[in-house]
Amino acid sequence: MVYEKSCGAVVFTTMDGEIKYLLISNLQGIYGFPKGHAEDNETEAETALREVYEETNLRIKLIEGFRTTDEHVIPQKKDTIKQITYFLGVFENQEVIYQKEELSGAYLVSYAEAMELFQFESSRRILTEANAYLQSIGNEFA
């Protein structure tokens, strides 16, 4: 079995006192979070920060204490499993400019809207974990 490692982040901001999560849509219309493969000797966090910037033009700050993982089979690649590590990141006062070569869009949505848009249960689980973590730290961001 071959493993492909990616890192990304559940990204959010606060608008009018409400948390809005950043979802990206790939060229196939699948909603998720910004992520990508590690380069050279990057740490997981460095990969996540770079990938978020490359895909959305956002400079985010990672929130201490949150890290979750996901893995799934890659149907197009025989015997390959993708392992993804996600962090939680926040941004303020920046414009989202998505990478048109790889994405069909980037959207700031509420938790409820995100849960409706996701096609995969794993994305719902990751967002639920991130949202619960924000609530548990008293959420100074809202």
N, C-alpha and C. Protein backbone atom coordinates (compact mmCIF):
# COMPACT_ATOMS: atom_id res chain seq x y z
N MET A 1 0.85 -1.19 0.00
CA MET A 1 0.00 0.00 0.00
C MET A 1 0.89 1.25 0.00
N VAL A 2 0.53 2.22 -0.83
CA VAL A 2 1.24 3.49 -0.91
C VAL A 2 0.42 4.55 -0.20
N TYR A 3 1.10 5.41 0.57
CA TYR A 3 0.42 6.48 1.28
C TYR A 3 0.85 7.82 0.71
N GLU A 4 -0.13 8.68 0.42
CA GLU A 4 0.13 10.06 0.01
C GLU A 4 -0.25 10.95 1.18
N LYS A 5 0.67 11.83 1.57
CA LYS A 5 0.45 12.70 2.73
C LYS A 5 0.11 14.12 2.27
N SER A 6 -0.98 14.65 2.82
CA SER A 6 -1.36 16.03 2.56
C SER A 6 -1.66 16.72 3.88
N CYS A 7 -1.60 18.04 3.88
CA CYS A 7 -1.94 18.83 5.06
C CYS A 7 -2.76 20.03 4.63
N GLY A 8 -3.65 20.45 5.51
CA GLY A 8 -4.50 21.60 5.21
C GLY A 8 -5.07 22.18 6.48
N ALA A 9 -6.10 23.00 6.30
CA ALA A 9 -6.69 23.66 7.46
C ALA A 9 -8.17 23.92 7.26
N VAL A 10 -8.88 23.84 8.38
CA VAL A 10 -10.24 24.35 8.47
C VAL A 10 -10.05 25.83 8.78
N VAL A 11 -10.43 26.68 7.84
CA VAL A 11 -10.16 28.11 7.93
C VAL A 11 -11.46 28.84 8.24
N PHE A 12 -11.36 29.84 9.13
CA PHE A 12 -12.56 30.61 9.48
C PHE A 12 -12.20 32.07 9.70
N THR A 13 -13.23 32.88 9.70
CA THR A 13 -13.14 34.28 10.07
C THR A 13 -14.44 34.63 10.79
N THR A 14 -14.49 35.81 11.36
CA THR A 14 -15.71 36.27 12.02
C THR A 14 -16.27 37.44 11.23
N MET A 15 -17.57 37.33 10.90
CA MET A 15 -18.25 38.41 10.18
C MET A 15 -19.53 38.74 10.93
N ASP A 16 -19.66 39.99 11.34
CA ASP A 16 -20.83 40.43 12.09
C ASP A 16 -21.11 39.53 13.29
N GLY A 17 -20.04 39.14 14.00
CA GLY A 17 -20.19 38.34 15.20
C GLY A 17 -20.46 36.87 14.97
N GLU A 18 -20.46 36.44 13.71
CA GLU A 18 -20.73 35.03 13.39
C GLU A 18 -19.52 34.41 12.72
N ILE A 19 -19.22 33.18 13.11
CA ILE A 19 -18.12 32.46 12.49
C ILE A 19 -18.53 32.01 11.10
N LYS A 20 -17.66 32.28 10.14
CA LYS A 20 -17.85 31.82 8.76
C LYS A 20 -16.65 30.95 8.41
N TYR A 21 -16.95 29.78 7.89
CA TYR A 21 -15.91 28.84 7.48
C TYR A 21 -15.64 28.97 5.99
N LEU A 22 -14.39 28.80 5.63
CA LEU A 22 -13.99 28.87 4.23
C LEU A 22 -14.05 27.48 3.62
N LEU A 23 -14.90 27.31 2.63
CA LEU A 23 -14.95 26.07 1.88
C LEU A 23 -14.44 26.35 0.48
N ILE A 24 -13.70 25.39 -0.04
CA ILE A 24 -13.29 25.48 -1.43
C ILE A 24 -14.05 24.42 -2.21
N SER A 25 -14.20 24.64 -3.49
CA SER A 25 -14.84 23.68 -4.38
C SER A 25 -13.83 23.34 -5.47
N ASN A 26 -13.52 22.05 -5.61
CA ASN A 26 -12.55 21.67 -6.64
C ASN A 26 -13.22 21.72 -8.02
N LEU A 27 -12.47 21.42 -9.04
CA LEU A 27 -13.00 21.53 -10.41
C LEU A 27 -14.13 20.54 -10.69
N GLN A 28 -14.24 19.50 -9.86
CA GLN A 28 -15.32 18.53 -10.00
C GLN A 28 -16.54 18.91 -9.15
N GLY A 29 -16.46 20.05 -8.44
CA GLY A 29 -17.59 20.51 -7.63
C GLY A 29 -17.67 19.90 -6.25
N ILE A 30 -16.58 19.30 -5.78
CA ILE A 30 -16.56 18.71 -4.45
C ILE A 30 -16.10 19.77 -3.45
N TYR A 31 -16.88 19.96 -2.38
CA TYR A 31 -16.56 20.95 -1.35
C TYR A 31 -15.65 20.34 -0.29
N GLY A 32 -14.71 21.16 0.17
CA GLY A 32 -13.80 20.70 1.21
C GLY A 32 -13.00 21.87 1.76
N PHE A 33 -11.84 21.53 2.30
CA PHE A 33 -10.95 22.51 2.92
C PHE A 33 -9.65 22.60 2.11
N PRO A 34 -8.99 23.75 2.14
CA PRO A 34 -7.71 23.87 1.43
C PRO A 34 -6.69 22.88 1.99
N LYS A 35 -5.98 22.20 1.08
CA LYS A 35 -4.98 21.21 1.50
C LYS A 35 -4.10 20.88 0.31
N GLY A 36 -2.98 20.23 0.59
CA GLY A 36 -2.10 19.81 -0.48
C GLY A 36 -0.91 19.04 0.05
N HIS A 37 -0.07 18.60 -0.87
CA HIS A 37 1.09 17.76 -0.55
C HIS A 37 2.23 18.58 0.06
N ALA A 38 2.95 17.94 0.96
CA ALA A 38 4.14 18.54 1.56
C ALA A 38 5.25 18.62 0.50
N GLU A 39 6.07 19.65 0.62
CA GLU A 39 7.21 19.82 -0.27
C GLU A 39 8.50 19.80 0.54
N ASP A 40 9.53 19.16 0.01
CA ASP A 40 10.85 19.10 0.63
C ASP A 40 10.75 18.66 2.09
N ASN A 41 11.27 19.46 2.99
CA ASN A 41 11.28 19.08 4.41
C ASN A 41 10.29 19.88 5.23
N GLU A 42 9.17 20.28 4.64
CA GLU A 42 8.17 21.05 5.36
C GLU A 42 7.59 20.24 6.51
N THR A 43 7.24 20.96 7.58
CA THR A 43 6.46 20.35 8.64
C THR A 43 5.00 20.31 8.19
N GLU A 44 4.18 19.59 8.93
CA GLU A 44 2.75 19.55 8.61
C GLU A 44 2.16 20.96 8.65
N ALA A 45 2.50 21.73 9.67
CA ALA A 45 1.95 23.08 9.80
C ALA A 45 2.42 23.98 8.66
N GLU A 46 3.69 23.88 8.29
CA GLU A 46 4.20 24.68 7.17
C GLU A 46 3.48 24.34 5.88
N THR A 47 3.23 23.06 5.66
CA THR A 47 2.50 22.64 4.46
C THR A 47 1.10 23.23 4.46
N ALA A 48 0.41 23.13 5.60
CA ALA A 48 -0.95 23.66 5.69
C ALA A 48 -0.98 25.16 5.40
N LEU A 49 -0.06 25.91 6.00
CA LEU A 49 -0.02 27.37 5.79
C LEU A 49 0.25 27.70 4.33
N ARG A 50 1.19 27.01 3.71
CA ARG A 50 1.52 27.27 2.31
C ARG A 50 0.35 26.92 1.39
N GLU A 51 -0.25 25.77 1.62
CA GLU A 51 -1.35 25.34 0.75
C GLU A 51 -2.56 26.27 0.87
N VAL A 52 -2.88 26.70 2.08
CA VAL A 52 -3.99 27.65 2.24
C VAL A 52 -3.68 28.92 1.46
N TYR A 53 -2.45 29.40 1.57
CA TYR A 53 -2.08 30.62 0.84
C TYR A 53 -2.15 30.41 -0.68
N GLU A 54 -1.59 29.30 -1.16
CA GLU A 54 -1.59 29.05 -2.60
C GLU A 54 -3.01 28.94 -3.16
N GLU A 55 -3.90 28.29 -2.42
CA GLU A 55 -5.25 28.06 -2.94
C GLU A 55 -6.21 29.21 -2.72
N THR A 56 -5.96 30.06 -1.69
CA THR A 56 -6.94 31.09 -1.34
C THR A 56 -6.38 32.49 -1.17
N ASN A 57 -5.05 32.63 -1.24
CA ASN A 57 -4.38 33.91 -1.04
C ASN A 57 -4.53 34.44 0.39
N LEU A 58 -4.80 33.58 1.35
CA LEU A 58 -4.97 34.00 2.74
C LEU A 58 -3.75 33.63 3.57
N ARG A 59 -3.33 34.57 4.39
CA ARG A 59 -2.30 34.33 5.40
C ARG A 59 -3.04 34.07 6.71
N ILE A 60 -3.07 32.81 7.10
CA ILE A 60 -3.84 32.45 8.29
C ILE A 60 -2.91 32.26 9.49
N LYS A 61 -3.53 32.31 10.67
CA LYS A 61 -2.83 32.00 11.92
C LYS A 61 -3.42 30.69 12.41
N LEU A 62 -2.56 29.71 12.69
CA LEU A 62 -3.06 28.43 13.20
C LEU A 62 -3.41 28.56 14.68
N ILE A 63 -4.53 27.95 15.05
CA ILE A 63 -5.00 27.95 16.43
C ILE A 63 -4.35 26.78 17.16
N GLU A 64 -3.68 27.07 18.24
CA GLU A 64 -2.99 26.04 19.02
C GLU A 64 -3.97 24.98 19.51
N GLY A 65 -3.51 23.72 19.48
CA GLY A 65 -4.25 22.65 20.14
C GLY A 65 -5.22 21.87 19.28
N PHE A 66 -5.41 22.26 18.03
CA PHE A 66 -6.33 21.51 17.17
C PHE A 66 -5.56 20.82 16.05
N ARG A 67 -5.80 19.53 15.92
CA ARG A 67 -5.22 18.74 14.83
C ARG A 67 -6.10 17.51 14.68
N THR A 68 -6.51 17.24 13.46
CA THR A 68 -7.31 16.04 13.20
C THR A 68 -6.83 15.44 11.88
N THR A 69 -7.18 14.19 11.67
CA THR A 69 -6.72 13.51 10.45
C THR A 69 -7.87 12.82 9.74
N ASP A 70 -7.62 12.53 8.49
CA ASP A 70 -8.57 11.79 7.66
C ASP A 70 -7.76 10.93 6.72
N GLU A 71 -8.33 9.84 6.29
CA GLU A 71 -7.68 9.08 5.23
C GLU A 71 -8.73 8.36 4.41
N HIS A 72 -8.41 8.24 3.12
CA HIS A 72 -9.32 7.56 2.21
C HIS A 72 -8.55 7.01 1.02
N VAL A 73 -9.14 6.02 0.40
CA VAL A 73 -8.57 5.42 -0.79
C VAL A 73 -8.69 6.41 -1.94
N ILE A 74 -7.68 6.44 -2.80
CA ILE A 74 -7.73 7.26 -4.01
C ILE A 74 -8.14 6.33 -5.15
N PRO A 75 -9.39 6.45 -5.62
CA PRO A 75 -9.89 5.50 -6.62
C PRO A 75 -9.06 5.44 -7.90
N GLN A 76 -8.49 6.59 -8.32
CA GLN A 76 -7.74 6.63 -9.57
C GLN A 76 -6.34 6.03 -9.46
N LYS A 77 -5.89 5.77 -8.24
CA LYS A 77 -4.53 5.25 -8.02
C LYS A 77 -4.62 3.93 -7.26
N LYS A 78 -4.21 2.86 -7.92
CA LYS A 78 -4.29 1.53 -7.33
C LYS A 78 -3.45 1.43 -6.06
N ASP A 79 -4.05 0.86 -5.01
CA ASP A 79 -3.36 0.62 -3.74
C ASP A 79 -2.77 1.88 -3.11
N THR A 80 -3.48 3.01 -3.25
CA THR A 80 -2.99 4.27 -2.69
C THR A 80 -4.01 4.84 -1.71
N ILE A 81 -3.52 5.20 -0.54
CA ILE A 81 -4.36 5.82 0.49
C ILE A 81 -3.84 7.24 0.73
N LYS A 82 -4.76 8.19 0.73
CA LYS A 82 -4.41 9.57 1.02
C LYS A 82 -4.62 9.81 2.51
N GLN A 83 -3.58 10.30 3.18
CA GLN A 83 -3.64 10.67 4.59
C GLN A 83 -3.56 12.19 4.66
N ILE A 84 -4.54 12.81 5.35
CA ILE A 84 -4.60 14.26 5.42
C ILE A 84 -4.64 14.70 6.88
N THR A 85 -3.77 15.65 7.22
CA THR A 85 -3.77 16.26 8.54
C THR A 85 -4.35 17.66 8.40
N TYR A 86 -5.32 17.97 9.26
CA TYR A 86 -5.95 19.30 9.24
C TYR A 86 -5.68 20.03 10.53
N PHE A 87 -5.42 21.33 10.39
CA PHE A 87 -5.30 22.24 11.51
C PHE A 87 -6.49 23.19 11.46
N LEU A 88 -6.55 24.10 12.42
CA LEU A 88 -7.59 25.11 12.46
C LEU A 88 -6.91 26.45 12.31
N GLY A 89 -7.38 27.27 11.36
CA GLY A 89 -6.73 28.55 11.09
C GLY A 89 -7.72 29.69 10.98
N VAL A 90 -7.29 30.86 11.40
CA VAL A 90 -8.15 32.05 11.38
C VAL A 90 -7.50 33.14 10.53
N PHE A 91 -8.34 33.96 9.91
CA PHE A 91 -7.85 35.13 9.19
C PHE A 91 -8.78 36.30 9.44
N GLU A 92 -8.23 37.50 9.27
CA GLU A 92 -9.02 38.72 9.41
C GLU A 92 -8.66 39.68 8.28
N ASN A 93 -9.66 40.41 7.82
CA ASN A 93 -9.44 41.53 6.89
C ASN A 93 -8.58 41.19 5.68
N GLN A 94 -8.89 40.07 5.05
CA GLN A 94 -8.19 39.69 3.82
C GLN A 94 -9.23 39.25 2.79
N GLU A 95 -8.90 39.46 1.55
CA GLU A 95 -9.79 39.04 0.47
C GLU A 95 -9.42 37.62 0.03
N VAL A 96 -10.43 36.79 -0.10
CA VAL A 96 -10.23 35.44 -0.60
C VAL A 96 -10.11 35.50 -2.12
N ILE A 97 -8.98 35.04 -2.64
CA ILE A 97 -8.77 34.95 -4.09
C ILE A 97 -8.37 33.51 -4.36
N TYR A 98 -9.29 32.74 -4.93
CA TYR A 98 -9.02 31.32 -5.10
C TYR A 98 -8.22 31.02 -6.36
N GLN A 99 -7.51 29.90 -6.32
CA GLN A 99 -6.63 29.45 -7.40
C GLN A 99 -7.47 28.82 -8.52
N LYS A 100 -7.71 29.58 -9.57
CA LYS A 100 -8.63 29.16 -10.63
C LYS A 100 -8.17 27.93 -11.40
N GLU A 101 -6.86 27.63 -11.38
CA GLU A 101 -6.37 26.44 -12.08
C GLU A 101 -6.81 25.15 -11.38
N GLU A 102 -7.03 25.22 -10.07
CA GLU A 102 -7.36 24.02 -9.31
C GLU A 102 -8.75 24.03 -8.69
N LEU A 103 -9.35 25.21 -8.59
CA LEU A 103 -10.62 25.34 -7.86
C LEU A 103 -11.68 26.02 -8.71
N SER A 104 -12.94 25.66 -8.44
CA SER A 104 -14.04 26.34 -9.11
C SER A 104 -14.64 27.43 -8.24
N GLY A 105 -14.23 27.51 -6.96
CA GLY A 105 -14.73 28.57 -6.10
C GLY A 105 -14.24 28.44 -4.67
N ALA A 106 -14.44 29.52 -3.90
CA ALA A 106 -14.14 29.56 -2.47
C ALA A 106 -15.25 30.37 -1.82
N TYR A 107 -15.79 29.87 -0.71
CA TYR A 107 -17.00 30.44 -0.13
C TYR A 107 -16.88 30.55 1.38
N LEU A 108 -17.35 31.65 1.92
CA LEU A 108 -17.45 31.82 3.37
C LEU A 108 -18.89 31.52 3.76
N VAL A 109 -19.05 30.47 4.57
CA VAL A 109 -20.39 30.00 4.91
C VAL A 109 -20.49 29.69 6.39
N SER A 110 -21.71 29.65 6.88
CA SER A 110 -21.95 29.28 8.27
C SER A 110 -21.71 27.78 8.46
N TYR A 111 -21.65 27.37 9.70
CA TYR A 111 -21.50 25.94 10.00
C TYR A 111 -22.63 25.14 9.36
N ALA A 112 -23.87 25.61 9.54
CA ALA A 112 -25.03 24.89 9.00
C ALA A 112 -24.98 24.82 7.47
N GLU A 113 -24.61 25.91 6.82
CA GLU A 113 -24.50 25.91 5.36
C GLU A 113 -23.43 24.93 4.89
N ALA A 114 -22.30 24.92 5.60
CA ALA A 114 -21.21 24.01 5.23
C ALA A 114 -21.68 22.56 5.33
N MET A 115 -22.40 22.24 6.39
CA MET A 115 -22.86 20.86 6.59
C MET A 115 -23.79 20.43 5.46
N GLU A 116 -24.53 21.36 4.91
CA GLU A 116 -25.41 21.05 3.77
C GLU A 116 -24.63 20.87 2.47
N LEU A 117 -23.55 21.63 2.31
CA LEU A 117 -22.79 21.59 1.06
C LEU A 117 -21.89 20.37 0.92
N PHE A 118 -21.40 19.86 2.03
CA PHE A 118 -20.45 18.75 1.96
C PHE A 118 -21.07 17.50 1.35
N GLN A 119 -20.31 16.85 0.49
CA GLN A 119 -20.73 15.59 -0.11
C GLN A 119 -20.23 14.39 0.69
N PHE A 120 -19.21 14.60 1.54
CA PHE A 120 -18.61 13.48 2.26
C PHE A 120 -18.79 13.63 3.77
N GLU A 121 -19.11 12.52 4.41
CA GLU A 121 -19.29 12.49 5.85
C GLU A 121 -18.00 12.89 6.58
N SER A 122 -16.85 12.54 6.01
CA SER A 122 -15.58 12.89 6.67
C SER A 122 -15.42 14.41 6.77
N SER A 123 -15.87 15.15 5.77
CA SER A 123 -15.79 16.62 5.83
C SER A 123 -16.69 17.15 6.94
N ARG A 124 -17.87 16.55 7.08
CA ARG A 124 -18.78 16.96 8.17
C ARG A 124 -18.13 16.68 9.53
N ARG A 125 -17.48 15.52 9.65
CA ARG A 125 -16.84 15.16 10.92
C ARG A 125 -15.72 16.15 11.26
N ILE A 126 -14.90 16.47 10.28
CA ILE A 126 -13.78 17.39 10.51
C ILE A 126 -14.29 18.76 10.93
N LEU A 127 -15.30 19.28 10.24
CA LEU A 127 -15.85 20.59 10.60
C LEU A 127 -16.50 20.53 11.98
N THR A 128 -17.19 19.46 12.29
CA THR A 128 -17.82 19.32 13.61
C THR A 128 -16.77 19.35 14.70
N GLU A 129 -15.65 18.65 14.49
CA GLU A 129 -14.57 18.65 15.47
C GLU A 129 -13.98 20.06 15.63
N ALA A 130 -13.75 20.75 14.52
CA ALA A 130 -13.18 22.09 14.57
C ALA A 130 -14.13 23.06 15.26
N ASN A 131 -15.41 22.98 14.93
CA ASN A 131 -16.41 23.86 15.53
C ASN A 131 -16.51 23.61 17.03
N ALA A 132 -16.50 22.34 17.43
CA ALA A 132 -16.57 21.99 18.85
C ALA A 132 -15.33 22.51 19.58
N TYR A 133 -14.16 22.41 18.94
CA TYR A 133 -12.94 22.92 19.56
C TYR A 133 -13.04 24.43 19.78
N LEU A 134 -13.53 25.15 18.78
CA LEU A 134 -13.69 26.60 18.94
C LEU A 134 -14.60 26.92 20.11
N GLN A 135 -15.69 26.18 20.23
CA GLN A 135 -16.62 26.40 21.35
C GLN A 135 -15.94 26.09 22.69
N SER A 136 -15.10 25.05 22.72
CA SER A 136 -14.47 24.63 23.97
C SER A 136 -13.42 25.60 24.48
N ILE A 137 -12.83 26.39 23.59
CA ILE A 137 -11.81 27.34 24.03
C ILE A 137 -12.41 28.71 24.32
N GLY A 138 -13.75 28.75 24.39
CA GLY A 138 -14.41 29.99 24.75
C GLY A 138 -14.60 30.91 23.56
N ASN A 139 -14.06 30.51 22.45
CA ASN A 139 -14.21 31.23 21.19
C ASN A 139 -14.10 32.73 21.30
N GLU A 140 -12.88 33.20 21.51
CA GLU A 140 -12.65 34.64 21.52
C GLU A 140 -12.76 35.25 20.13
N PHE A 141 -13.03 34.41 19.14
CA PHE A 141 -13.07 34.87 17.75
C PHE A 141 -14.45 35.37 17.34
N ALA A 142 -15.49 34.98 18.05
CA ALA A 142 -16.84 35.39 17.68
C ALA A 142 -17.18 36.73 18.29
